[in-house]
């Protein structure tokens, strides 16, 4: 039986007052999600049709990539942390793989650089010993002392980091805090890459 003022509406008094049961709220939420998915699918289908129509004519890849760059979707300012986008296993896998590659390359480049610097010093010592070059050690000592003084001046507590550097450091710290799992995977992969 309908309450007063509800004749012909088919609304129960509980729903008429604005109170919904939990199951009806869940149904409403699911229906809203379905509608959003349907709208997104329609939008994708419309975009695919326009791409397909342009493919039938001539596909201008340069123009297409200008309109839809992949990095804007991936790195857009409000893209959030990777913790919101990917599962823990995926984050660890991505971090570990990139860390291992970086560590492996760092190891190879480091060995090459150490060999080049060490070989250069070795050749200079041989050239000095055989008399091909003469080193003015007093001038070297003066230059080293000047460099020490400059380093002492620059490392004094009154000289703080410039604001640009502080901003970058804050951004990096914020990224690391938001992506702890990814960072941990990267560090572990980096160490493994350095060891292999």
N, C-alpha and C. Protein backbone atom coordinates (compact mmCIF):
# COMPACT_ATOMS: atom_id res chain seq x y z
N UNK A 1 0.83 -1.17 0.00
CA UNK A 1 0.00 0.00 0.00
C UNK A 1 0.88 1.24 0.00
N UNK A 2 0.48 2.24 -0.76
CA UNK A 2 1.29 3.43 -0.92
C UNK A 2 0.95 4.43 0.17
N UNK A 3 1.96 5.19 0.59
CA UNK A 3 1.77 6.19 1.63
C UNK A 3 1.15 7.45 1.04
N UNK A 4 0.79 8.39 1.89
CA UNK A 4 0.20 9.63 1.41
C UNK A 4 1.20 10.42 0.56
N UNK A 5 0.76 10.96 -0.55
CA UNK A 5 1.60 11.74 -1.44
C UNK A 5 2.43 10.90 -2.37
N UNK A 6 2.26 9.56 -2.33
CA UNK A 6 3.06 8.69 -3.18
C UNK A 6 2.17 7.90 -4.12
N UNK A 7 1.00 8.29 -4.30
CA UNK A 7 0.05 7.55 -5.11
C UNK A 7 0.53 7.50 -6.55
N UNK A 8 0.63 6.30 -7.08
CA UNK A 8 0.98 6.10 -8.47
C UNK A 8 2.47 6.22 -8.76
N UNK A 9 3.31 6.51 -7.79
CA UNK A 9 4.74 6.63 -8.05
C UNK A 9 5.46 5.30 -7.92
N UNK A 10 4.93 4.36 -7.20
CA UNK A 10 5.56 3.05 -7.03
C UNK A 10 6.81 3.12 -6.19
N UNK A 11 6.91 4.08 -5.29
CA UNK A 11 8.07 4.26 -4.45
C UNK A 11 7.69 3.86 -3.03
N UNK A 12 8.53 3.08 -2.41
CA UNK A 12 8.26 2.69 -1.04
C UNK A 12 8.61 3.85 -0.12
N UNK A 13 8.00 3.93 1.04
CA UNK A 13 8.27 5.05 1.95
C UNK A 13 9.74 5.15 2.35
N UNK A 14 10.47 4.01 2.44
CA UNK A 14 11.86 4.04 2.85
C UNK A 14 12.70 4.75 1.79
N UNK A 15 12.47 4.42 0.51
CA UNK A 15 13.24 5.04 -0.56
C UNK A 15 12.81 6.47 -0.81
N UNK A 16 11.59 6.78 -0.54
CA UNK A 16 11.09 8.13 -0.77
C UNK A 16 11.76 9.12 0.16
N UNK A 17 12.13 8.68 1.34
CA UNK A 17 12.76 9.59 2.29
C UNK A 17 14.23 9.82 1.98
N UNK A 18 14.78 9.14 0.99
CA UNK A 18 16.18 9.33 0.61
C UNK A 18 17.10 8.28 1.19
N UNK A 19 16.64 7.43 2.07
CA UNK A 19 17.48 6.40 2.65
C UNK A 19 17.50 5.21 1.71
N UNK A 20 18.67 4.72 1.36
CA UNK A 20 18.81 3.57 0.48
C UNK A 20 19.47 2.45 1.25
N UNK A 21 19.13 1.26 0.87
CA UNK A 21 19.80 0.12 1.49
C UNK A 21 21.18 -0.02 0.87
N UNK A 22 22.01 -0.76 1.51
CA UNK A 22 23.38 -0.97 1.05
C UNK A 22 23.39 -1.63 -0.32
N UNK A 23 22.52 -2.61 -0.52
CA UNK A 23 22.51 -3.31 -1.81
C UNK A 23 22.04 -2.40 -2.93
N UNK A 24 21.13 -1.48 -2.64
CA UNK A 24 20.68 -0.57 -3.71
C UNK A 24 21.78 0.43 -4.06
N UNK A 25 22.58 0.84 -3.06
CA UNK A 25 23.71 1.72 -3.34
C UNK A 25 24.75 1.01 -4.19
N UNK A 26 24.99 -0.25 -3.88
CA UNK A 26 25.96 -1.02 -4.65
C UNK A 26 25.46 -1.19 -6.08
N UNK A 27 24.15 -1.46 -6.24
CA UNK A 27 23.59 -1.59 -7.60
C UNK A 27 23.72 -0.29 -8.36
N UNK A 28 23.45 0.83 -7.71
CA UNK A 28 23.57 2.12 -8.38
C UNK A 28 25.01 2.39 -8.80
N UNK A 29 25.94 2.05 -7.93
CA UNK A 29 27.35 2.24 -8.24
C UNK A 29 27.78 1.36 -9.41
N UNK A 30 27.34 0.09 -9.41
CA UNK A 30 27.67 -0.81 -10.50
C UNK A 30 27.07 -0.33 -11.81
N UNK A 31 25.86 0.18 -11.76
CA UNK A 31 25.21 0.69 -12.97
C UNK A 31 25.96 1.91 -13.51
N UNK A 32 26.40 2.77 -12.61
CA UNK A 32 27.17 3.94 -13.04
C UNK A 32 28.49 3.52 -13.68
N UNK A 33 29.15 2.50 -13.11
CA UNK A 33 30.39 1.98 -13.70
C UNK A 33 30.13 1.41 -15.08
N UNK A 34 29.03 0.65 -15.23
CA UNK A 34 28.69 0.08 -16.54
C UNK A 34 28.46 1.17 -17.57
N UNK A 35 27.77 2.23 -17.15
CA UNK A 35 27.51 3.33 -18.07
C UNK A 35 28.82 4.01 -18.49
N UNK A 36 29.71 4.21 -17.51
CA UNK A 36 31.00 4.83 -17.84
C UNK A 36 31.79 3.95 -18.79
N UNK A 37 31.83 2.63 -18.54
CA UNK A 37 32.54 1.71 -19.43
C UNK A 37 31.96 1.75 -20.83
N UNK A 38 30.63 1.77 -20.91
CA UNK A 38 29.98 1.81 -22.22
C UNK A 38 30.34 3.10 -22.95
N UNK A 39 30.35 4.22 -22.23
CA UNK A 39 30.72 5.48 -22.86
C UNK A 39 32.17 5.47 -23.32
N UNK A 40 33.06 4.90 -22.49
CA UNK A 40 34.47 4.81 -22.89
C UNK A 40 34.63 3.93 -24.11
N UNK A 41 33.91 2.78 -24.16
CA UNK A 41 33.99 1.90 -25.31
C UNK A 41 33.47 2.60 -26.56
N UNK A 42 32.38 3.36 -26.42
CA UNK A 42 31.86 4.10 -27.57
C UNK A 42 32.88 5.13 -28.05
N UNK A 43 33.53 5.81 -27.10
CA UNK A 43 34.53 6.81 -27.48
C UNK A 43 35.71 6.14 -28.18
N UNK A 44 36.14 4.97 -27.66
CA UNK A 44 37.24 4.25 -28.30
C UNK A 44 36.85 3.79 -29.69
N UNK A 45 35.63 3.29 -29.82
CA UNK A 45 35.16 2.83 -31.12
C UNK A 45 35.09 3.99 -32.11
N UNK A 46 34.62 5.15 -31.64
CA UNK A 46 34.57 6.32 -32.52
C UNK A 46 35.97 6.75 -32.94
N UNK A 47 36.92 6.71 -32.00
CA UNK A 47 38.30 7.07 -32.32
C UNK A 47 38.89 6.06 -33.30
N UNK A 48 38.58 4.77 -33.09
CA UNK A 48 39.09 3.73 -33.99
C UNK A 48 38.50 3.90 -35.38
N UNK A 49 37.25 4.28 -35.46
CA UNK A 49 36.62 4.49 -36.76
C UNK A 49 37.27 5.66 -37.49
N UNK A 50 37.57 6.74 -36.77
CA UNK A 50 38.21 7.87 -37.44
C UNK A 50 39.60 7.49 -37.89
N UNK A 51 40.33 6.70 -37.06
CA UNK A 51 41.65 6.23 -37.47
C UNK A 51 41.51 5.31 -38.67
N UNK A 52 40.52 4.41 -38.64
CA UNK A 52 40.34 3.47 -39.74
C UNK A 52 39.99 4.22 -41.02
N UNK A 53 39.14 5.24 -40.91
CA UNK A 53 38.80 6.03 -42.08
C UNK A 53 40.02 6.74 -42.62
N UNK A 54 40.86 7.30 -41.72
CA UNK A 54 42.05 7.97 -42.20
C UNK A 54 43.07 6.98 -42.73
N UNK A 55 43.08 5.72 -42.23
CA UNK A 55 43.98 4.70 -42.76
C UNK A 55 43.57 4.35 -44.18
N UNK A 56 42.27 4.31 -44.41
CA UNK A 56 41.81 4.03 -45.76
C UNK A 56 42.29 5.09 -46.73
N UNK A 57 42.35 6.35 -46.28
CA UNK A 57 42.84 7.41 -47.14
C UNK A 57 44.37 7.35 -47.15
N UNK A 58 45.01 8.07 -46.24
CA UNK A 58 46.46 8.05 -46.08
C UNK A 58 46.72 8.28 -44.59
N UNK A 59 47.56 7.44 -44.02
CA UNK A 59 47.87 7.58 -42.60
C UNK A 59 49.14 8.40 -42.46
N UNK A 60 49.00 9.57 -41.88
CA UNK A 60 50.13 10.44 -41.63
C UNK A 60 50.61 10.18 -40.21
N UNK A 61 51.65 9.35 -40.08
CA UNK A 61 52.11 8.94 -38.75
C UNK A 61 52.64 10.12 -37.95
N UNK A 62 53.28 11.06 -38.60
CA UNK A 62 53.80 12.21 -37.86
C UNK A 62 52.67 12.99 -37.21
N UNK A 63 51.60 13.21 -37.95
CA UNK A 63 50.45 13.94 -37.40
C UNK A 63 49.75 13.12 -36.32
N UNK A 64 49.65 11.82 -36.54
CA UNK A 64 48.99 10.94 -35.58
C UNK A 64 49.74 10.94 -34.25
N UNK A 65 51.08 10.87 -34.29
CA UNK A 65 51.86 10.85 -33.05
C UNK A 65 51.86 12.20 -32.36
N UNK A 66 51.72 13.27 -33.12
CA UNK A 66 51.63 14.59 -32.48
C UNK A 66 50.37 14.70 -31.65
N UNK A 67 49.29 14.11 -32.13
CA UNK A 67 48.02 14.18 -31.42
C UNK A 67 47.93 13.21 -30.26
N UNK A 68 48.64 12.10 -30.33
CA UNK A 68 48.53 11.07 -29.29
C UNK A 68 49.91 10.56 -28.84
N UNK A 69 50.73 11.42 -28.25
CA UNK A 69 52.02 10.91 -27.77
C UNK A 69 51.84 10.00 -26.56
N UNK A 70 52.52 8.89 -26.58
CA UNK A 70 52.37 7.89 -25.52
C UNK A 70 52.91 8.39 -24.19
N UNK A 71 53.95 9.23 -24.24
CA UNK A 71 54.56 9.66 -22.97
C UNK A 71 53.67 10.63 -22.21
N UNK A 72 52.78 11.33 -22.90
CA UNK A 72 51.88 12.24 -22.18
C UNK A 72 50.90 11.44 -21.34
N UNK A 73 50.45 10.30 -21.88
CA UNK A 73 49.54 9.47 -21.11
C UNK A 73 50.26 8.84 -19.93
N UNK A 74 51.51 8.44 -20.16
CA UNK A 74 52.26 7.75 -19.12
C UNK A 74 52.76 8.69 -18.04
N UNK A 75 53.24 9.88 -18.42
CA UNK A 75 53.86 10.79 -17.48
C UNK A 75 53.06 12.07 -17.25
N UNK A 76 51.77 12.03 -17.48
CA UNK A 76 50.99 13.25 -17.27
C UNK A 76 51.07 13.66 -15.80
N UNK A 77 50.94 14.96 -15.54
CA UNK A 77 51.17 15.46 -14.17
C UNK A 77 50.30 14.81 -13.11
N UNK A 78 49.08 14.46 -13.43
CA UNK A 78 48.21 13.87 -12.43
C UNK A 78 48.09 12.36 -12.60
N UNK A 79 49.15 11.74 -13.16
CA UNK A 79 49.08 10.30 -13.41
C UNK A 79 49.18 9.49 -12.11
N UNK A 80 49.66 10.08 -11.04
CA UNK A 80 49.73 9.38 -9.76
C UNK A 80 50.95 8.48 -9.68
N UNK A 81 51.10 7.83 -8.56
CA UNK A 81 52.25 6.96 -8.39
C UNK A 81 51.98 5.61 -9.05
N UNK A 82 53.06 4.87 -9.26
CA UNK A 82 52.90 3.57 -9.88
C UNK A 82 52.20 2.60 -8.94
N UNK A 83 52.20 2.90 -7.64
CA UNK A 83 51.51 2.05 -6.68
C UNK A 83 50.01 2.03 -6.95
N UNK A 84 49.48 3.11 -7.52
CA UNK A 84 48.06 3.16 -7.83
C UNK A 84 47.75 2.46 -9.14
N UNK A 85 48.75 2.34 -10.04
CA UNK A 85 48.49 1.81 -11.37
C UNK A 85 48.80 0.32 -11.50
N UNK A 86 49.83 -0.17 -10.82
CA UNK A 86 50.31 -1.53 -11.04
C UNK A 86 50.32 -2.32 -9.73
N UNK A 87 50.29 -3.64 -9.89
CA UNK A 87 50.34 -4.51 -8.71
C UNK A 87 51.75 -4.52 -8.14
N UNK A 88 51.89 -5.07 -6.95
CA UNK A 88 53.19 -5.11 -6.28
C UNK A 88 54.18 -5.94 -7.10
N UNK A 89 53.73 -7.08 -7.62
CA UNK A 89 54.61 -7.94 -8.40
C UNK A 89 55.09 -7.22 -9.67
N UNK A 90 54.21 -6.50 -10.31
CA UNK A 90 54.58 -5.77 -11.52
C UNK A 90 55.59 -4.67 -11.20
N UNK A 91 55.36 -3.97 -10.11
CA UNK A 91 56.29 -2.91 -9.70
C UNK A 91 57.67 -3.49 -9.41
N UNK A 92 57.71 -4.61 -8.68
CA UNK A 92 58.99 -5.24 -8.38
C UNK A 92 59.69 -5.71 -9.65
N UNK A 93 58.91 -6.27 -10.58
CA UNK A 93 59.50 -6.76 -11.84
C UNK A 93 60.06 -5.61 -12.66
N UNK A 94 59.30 -4.53 -12.78
CA UNK A 94 59.77 -3.38 -13.56
C UNK A 94 60.99 -2.76 -12.89
N UNK A 95 60.93 -2.54 -11.59
CA UNK A 95 62.06 -1.97 -10.87
C UNK A 95 63.29 -2.86 -10.93
N UNK A 96 63.09 -4.15 -10.74
CA UNK A 96 64.22 -5.08 -10.79
C UNK A 96 64.87 -5.15 -12.15
N UNK A 97 64.05 -5.20 -13.21
CA UNK A 97 64.60 -5.29 -14.57
C UNK A 97 65.36 -4.03 -14.94
N UNK A 98 64.78 -2.87 -14.67
CA UNK A 98 65.49 -1.63 -15.00
C UNK A 98 66.72 -1.45 -14.11
N UNK A 99 66.63 -1.85 -12.86
CA UNK A 99 67.79 -1.77 -11.97
C UNK A 99 68.91 -2.68 -12.41
N UNK A 100 68.57 -3.91 -12.83
CA UNK A 100 69.60 -4.84 -13.28
C UNK A 100 70.29 -4.30 -14.53
N UNK A 101 69.51 -3.81 -15.49
CA UNK A 101 70.10 -3.25 -16.72
C UNK A 101 71.01 -2.07 -16.39
N UNK A 102 70.54 -1.19 -15.52
CA UNK A 102 71.35 -0.03 -15.15
C UNK A 102 72.62 -0.45 -14.43
N UNK A 103 72.52 -1.40 -13.50
CA UNK A 103 73.69 -1.88 -12.77
C UNK A 103 74.69 -2.57 -13.68
N UNK A 104 74.19 -3.36 -14.63
CA UNK A 104 75.07 -4.07 -15.55
C UNK A 104 75.84 -3.08 -16.42
N UNK A 105 75.12 -2.09 -16.97
CA UNK A 105 75.77 -1.07 -17.81
C UNK A 105 76.73 -0.23 -16.98
N UNK A 106 76.31 0.13 -15.76
CA UNK A 106 77.17 0.91 -14.87
C UNK A 106 78.46 0.15 -14.58
N UNK A 107 78.36 -1.15 -14.38
CA UNK A 107 79.54 -1.96 -14.10
C UNK A 107 80.48 -1.96 -15.29
N UNK A 108 79.95 -2.18 -16.49
CA UNK A 108 80.79 -2.24 -17.69
C UNK A 108 81.44 -0.89 -17.98
N UNK A 109 80.65 0.19 -17.90
CA UNK A 109 81.19 1.53 -18.15
C UNK A 109 82.20 1.90 -17.07
N UNK A 110 81.92 1.52 -15.82
CA UNK A 110 82.85 1.80 -14.72
C UNK A 110 84.18 1.11 -14.92
N UNK A 111 84.15 -0.15 -15.35
CA UNK A 111 85.41 -0.86 -15.60
C UNK A 111 86.19 -0.19 -16.73
N UNK A 112 85.47 0.21 -17.79
CA UNK A 112 86.12 0.86 -18.92
C UNK A 112 86.73 2.19 -18.49
N UNK A 113 86.00 2.97 -17.72
CA UNK A 113 86.50 4.27 -17.26
C UNK A 113 87.70 4.09 -16.33
N UNK A 114 87.62 3.12 -15.42
CA UNK A 114 88.74 2.88 -14.51
C UNK A 114 89.98 2.42 -15.28
N UNK A 115 89.79 1.59 -16.28
CA UNK A 115 90.91 1.14 -17.09
C UNK A 115 91.53 2.31 -17.85
N UNK A 116 90.68 3.18 -18.42
CA UNK A 116 91.19 4.32 -19.18
C UNK A 116 91.95 5.29 -18.28
N UNK A 117 91.40 5.62 -17.12
CA UNK A 117 92.06 6.57 -16.21
C UNK A 117 93.35 5.96 -15.66
N UNK A 118 93.27 4.72 -15.23
CA UNK A 118 94.47 4.06 -14.71
C UNK A 118 95.55 3.91 -15.78
N UNK A 119 95.14 3.54 -16.98
CA UNK A 119 96.11 3.42 -18.07
C UNK A 119 96.72 4.76 -18.42
N UNK A 120 95.90 5.82 -18.37
CA UNK A 120 96.43 7.16 -18.65
C UNK A 120 97.47 7.58 -17.62
N UNK A 121 97.20 7.35 -16.33
CA UNK A 121 98.19 7.67 -15.30
C UNK A 121 99.45 6.83 -15.46
N UNK A 122 99.27 5.57 -15.81
CA UNK A 122 100.41 4.67 -16.01
C UNK A 122 101.29 5.18 -17.16
N UNK A 123 100.66 5.57 -18.28
CA UNK A 123 101.42 6.09 -19.42
C UNK A 123 102.12 7.40 -19.07
N UNK A 124 101.44 8.26 -18.31
CA UNK A 124 102.07 9.51 -17.89
C UNK A 124 103.29 9.25 -17.00
N UNK A 125 103.19 8.30 -16.11
CA UNK A 125 104.34 7.98 -15.25
C UNK A 125 105.51 7.43 -16.05
N UNK A 126 105.20 6.58 -17.03
CA UNK A 126 106.26 6.04 -17.88
C UNK A 126 106.91 7.17 -18.68
N UNK A 127 106.08 8.08 -19.23
CA UNK A 127 106.62 9.20 -20.01
C UNK A 127 107.45 10.12 -19.12
N UNK A 128 107.03 10.34 -17.89
CA UNK A 128 107.80 11.16 -16.97
C UNK A 128 109.11 10.48 -16.61
N UNK A 129 109.07 9.19 -16.35
CA UNK A 129 110.27 8.45 -15.94
C UNK A 129 111.30 8.39 -17.06
N UNK A 130 110.86 8.25 -18.29
CA UNK A 130 111.79 8.15 -19.42
C UNK A 130 112.24 9.51 -19.92
N UNK A 131 111.64 10.61 -19.43
CA UNK A 131 112.10 11.94 -19.77
C UNK A 131 111.34 12.59 -20.91
N UNK A 132 110.28 11.98 -21.39
CA UNK A 132 109.50 12.59 -22.48
C UNK A 132 108.77 13.84 -22.01
N UNK A 133 108.32 13.82 -20.75
CA UNK A 133 107.65 15.00 -20.20
C UNK A 133 108.28 15.34 -18.86
N UNK A 134 108.23 16.63 -18.52
CA UNK A 134 108.71 17.09 -17.22
C UNK A 134 107.53 17.73 -16.50
N UNK A 135 107.29 17.34 -15.27
CA UNK A 135 106.18 17.86 -14.49
C UNK A 135 106.72 18.88 -13.50
N UNK A 136 106.11 20.07 -13.52
CA UNK A 136 106.48 21.14 -12.58
C UNK A 136 105.67 20.89 -11.31
N UNK A 137 106.26 20.18 -10.34
CA UNK A 137 105.54 19.78 -9.14
C UNK A 137 105.16 20.97 -8.26
N UNK A 138 105.94 22.05 -8.30
CA UNK A 138 105.60 23.24 -7.53
C UNK A 138 104.30 23.87 -8.06
N UNK A 139 104.14 23.91 -9.39
CA UNK A 139 102.92 24.45 -9.97
C UNK A 139 101.74 23.54 -9.63
N UNK A 140 101.95 22.23 -9.66
CA UNK A 140 100.88 21.29 -9.31
C UNK A 140 100.44 21.51 -7.87
N UNK A 141 101.43 21.71 -6.97
CA UNK A 141 101.11 21.93 -5.56
C UNK A 141 100.33 23.23 -5.36
N UNK A 142 100.73 24.31 -6.07
CA UNK A 142 100.00 25.57 -5.98
C UNK A 142 98.56 25.41 -6.45
N UNK A 143 98.37 24.73 -7.57
CA UNK A 143 97.01 24.53 -8.11
C UNK A 143 96.15 23.69 -7.17
N UNK A 144 96.75 22.67 -6.56
CA UNK A 144 96.02 21.83 -5.62
C UNK A 144 95.61 22.64 -4.39
N UNK A 145 96.49 23.49 -3.91
CA UNK A 145 96.16 24.33 -2.75
C UNK A 145 95.04 25.32 -3.08
N UNK A 146 95.05 25.90 -4.30
CA UNK A 146 93.97 26.79 -4.72
C UNK A 146 92.64 26.03 -4.75
N UNK A 147 92.68 24.82 -5.28
CA UNK A 147 91.45 24.02 -5.36
C UNK A 147 90.94 23.70 -3.96
N UNK A 148 91.84 23.41 -3.03
CA UNK A 148 91.43 23.13 -1.65
C UNK A 148 90.73 24.34 -1.04
N UNK A 149 91.30 25.52 -1.24
CA UNK A 149 90.71 26.75 -0.70
C UNK A 149 89.31 26.99 -1.28
N UNK A 150 89.16 26.78 -2.58
CA UNK A 150 87.85 26.97 -3.20
C UNK A 150 86.83 25.97 -2.66
N UNK A 151 87.28 24.73 -2.46
CA UNK A 151 86.37 23.73 -1.91
C UNK A 151 85.96 24.08 -0.48
N UNK A 152 86.89 24.58 0.31
CA UNK A 152 86.56 24.98 1.68
C UNK A 152 85.55 26.12 1.66
N UNK A 153 85.74 27.10 0.76
CA UNK A 153 84.82 28.23 0.67
C UNK A 153 83.43 27.77 0.24
N UNK A 154 83.36 26.90 -0.74
CA UNK A 154 82.06 26.44 -1.25
C UNK A 154 81.35 25.52 -0.28
N UNK A 155 82.09 24.81 0.55
CA UNK A 155 81.45 23.87 1.47
C UNK A 155 81.10 24.52 2.82
N UNK A 156 81.29 25.82 2.93
CA UNK A 156 80.94 26.48 4.19
C UNK A 156 79.44 26.44 4.39
N UNK A 157 78.97 26.41 5.65
CA UNK A 157 77.53 26.26 5.91
C UNK A 157 76.69 27.43 5.43
N UNK A 158 77.29 28.61 5.20
CA UNK A 158 76.50 29.76 4.76
C UNK A 158 76.00 29.58 3.33
N UNK A 159 76.72 28.81 2.53
CA UNK A 159 76.30 28.59 1.15
C UNK A 159 75.36 27.39 1.09
N UNK A 160 74.09 27.66 0.87
CA UNK A 160 73.12 26.58 0.76
C UNK A 160 72.86 26.26 -0.71
N UNK A 161 72.12 25.21 -0.93
CA UNK A 161 71.79 24.82 -2.30
C UNK A 161 70.90 25.86 -2.95
N UNK A 162 71.07 26.06 -4.26
CA UNK A 162 70.16 26.98 -4.96
C UNK A 162 68.74 26.43 -4.95
N UNK A 163 67.74 27.30 -5.09
CA UNK A 163 66.34 26.85 -5.01
C UNK A 163 65.97 25.82 -6.09
N UNK A 164 66.59 25.92 -7.29
CA UNK A 164 66.28 24.93 -8.34
C UNK A 164 66.71 23.54 -7.91
N UNK A 165 67.89 23.47 -7.30
CA UNK A 165 68.39 22.17 -6.86
C UNK A 165 67.52 21.63 -5.73
N UNK A 166 67.12 22.51 -4.81
CA UNK A 166 66.24 22.08 -3.72
C UNK A 166 64.92 21.54 -4.26
N UNK A 167 64.35 22.22 -5.26
CA UNK A 167 63.10 21.76 -5.86
C UNK A 167 63.26 20.39 -6.49
N UNK A 168 64.35 20.19 -7.21
CA UNK A 168 64.59 18.88 -7.83
C UNK A 168 64.77 17.79 -6.78
N UNK A 169 65.51 18.11 -5.74
CA UNK A 169 65.72 17.13 -4.67
C UNK A 169 64.39 16.78 -4.01
N UNK A 170 63.55 17.79 -3.78
CA UNK A 170 62.23 17.54 -3.19
C UNK A 170 61.37 16.67 -4.11
N UNK A 171 61.44 16.91 -5.43
CA UNK A 171 60.68 16.10 -6.38
C UNK A 171 61.15 14.65 -6.34
N UNK A 172 62.46 14.45 -6.30
CA UNK A 172 63.00 13.08 -6.26
C UNK A 172 62.58 12.38 -4.98
N UNK A 173 62.66 13.07 -3.85
CA UNK A 173 62.27 12.47 -2.57
C UNK A 173 60.79 12.13 -2.58
N UNK A 174 59.97 13.01 -3.14
CA UNK A 174 58.53 12.76 -3.23
C UNK A 174 58.26 11.53 -4.11
N UNK A 175 58.96 11.43 -5.24
CA UNK A 175 58.80 10.27 -6.13
C UNK A 175 59.19 8.98 -5.40
N UNK A 176 60.31 9.02 -4.69
CA UNK A 176 60.77 7.83 -3.98
C UNK A 176 59.78 7.41 -2.90
N UNK A 177 59.19 8.39 -2.22
CA UNK A 177 58.21 8.06 -1.17
C UNK A 177 56.94 7.45 -1.77
N UNK A 178 56.52 7.96 -2.92
CA UNK A 178 55.30 7.44 -3.55
C UNK A 178 55.50 6.07 -4.17
N UNK A 179 56.73 5.76 -4.57
CA UNK A 179 57.01 4.53 -5.31
C UNK A 179 58.06 3.70 -4.58
N UNK A 180 57.79 3.38 -3.34
CA UNK A 180 58.76 2.66 -2.51
C UNK A 180 59.05 1.27 -3.08
N UNK A 181 58.04 0.57 -3.51
CA UNK A 181 58.23 -0.80 -4.01
C UNK A 181 59.03 -0.79 -5.30
N UNK A 182 58.70 0.12 -6.19
CA UNK A 182 59.44 0.25 -7.45
C UNK A 182 60.89 0.60 -7.18
N UNK A 183 61.12 1.52 -6.26
CA UNK A 183 62.47 1.92 -5.90
C UNK A 183 63.25 0.77 -5.27
N UNK A 184 62.59 0.02 -4.40
CA UNK A 184 63.25 -1.14 -3.79
C UNK A 184 63.63 -2.18 -4.82
N UNK A 185 62.74 -2.43 -5.78
CA UNK A 185 63.06 -3.36 -6.86
C UNK A 185 64.23 -2.87 -7.69
N UNK A 186 64.25 -1.55 -7.95
CA UNK A 186 65.34 -0.98 -8.73
C UNK A 186 66.67 -1.14 -8.00
N UNK A 187 66.69 -0.84 -6.71
CA UNK A 187 67.94 -0.94 -5.94
C UNK A 187 68.43 -2.39 -5.91
N UNK A 188 67.52 -3.33 -5.67
CA UNK A 188 67.91 -4.74 -5.67
C UNK A 188 68.42 -5.19 -7.03
N UNK A 189 67.73 -4.79 -8.10
CA UNK A 189 68.18 -5.13 -9.44
C UNK A 189 69.51 -4.48 -9.78
N UNK A 190 69.71 -3.24 -9.32
CA UNK A 190 70.97 -2.54 -9.56
C UNK A 190 72.13 -3.29 -8.92
N UNK A 191 71.93 -3.72 -7.68
CA UNK A 191 73.00 -4.47 -6.98
C UNK A 191 73.28 -5.80 -7.67
N UNK A 192 72.22 -6.48 -8.12
CA UNK A 192 72.42 -7.73 -8.86
C UNK A 192 73.15 -7.47 -10.18
N UNK A 193 72.78 -6.40 -10.87
CA UNK A 193 73.45 -6.06 -12.11
C UNK A 193 74.92 -5.73 -11.91
N UNK A 194 75.23 -5.06 -10.81
CA UNK A 194 76.63 -4.75 -10.52
C UNK A 194 77.42 -6.02 -10.19
N UNK A 195 76.75 -6.99 -9.59
CA UNK A 195 77.43 -8.23 -9.21
C UNK A 195 77.60 -9.20 -10.38
N UNK A 196 76.77 -9.05 -11.41
CA UNK A 196 76.86 -10.03 -12.52
C UNK A 196 77.86 -9.62 -13.57
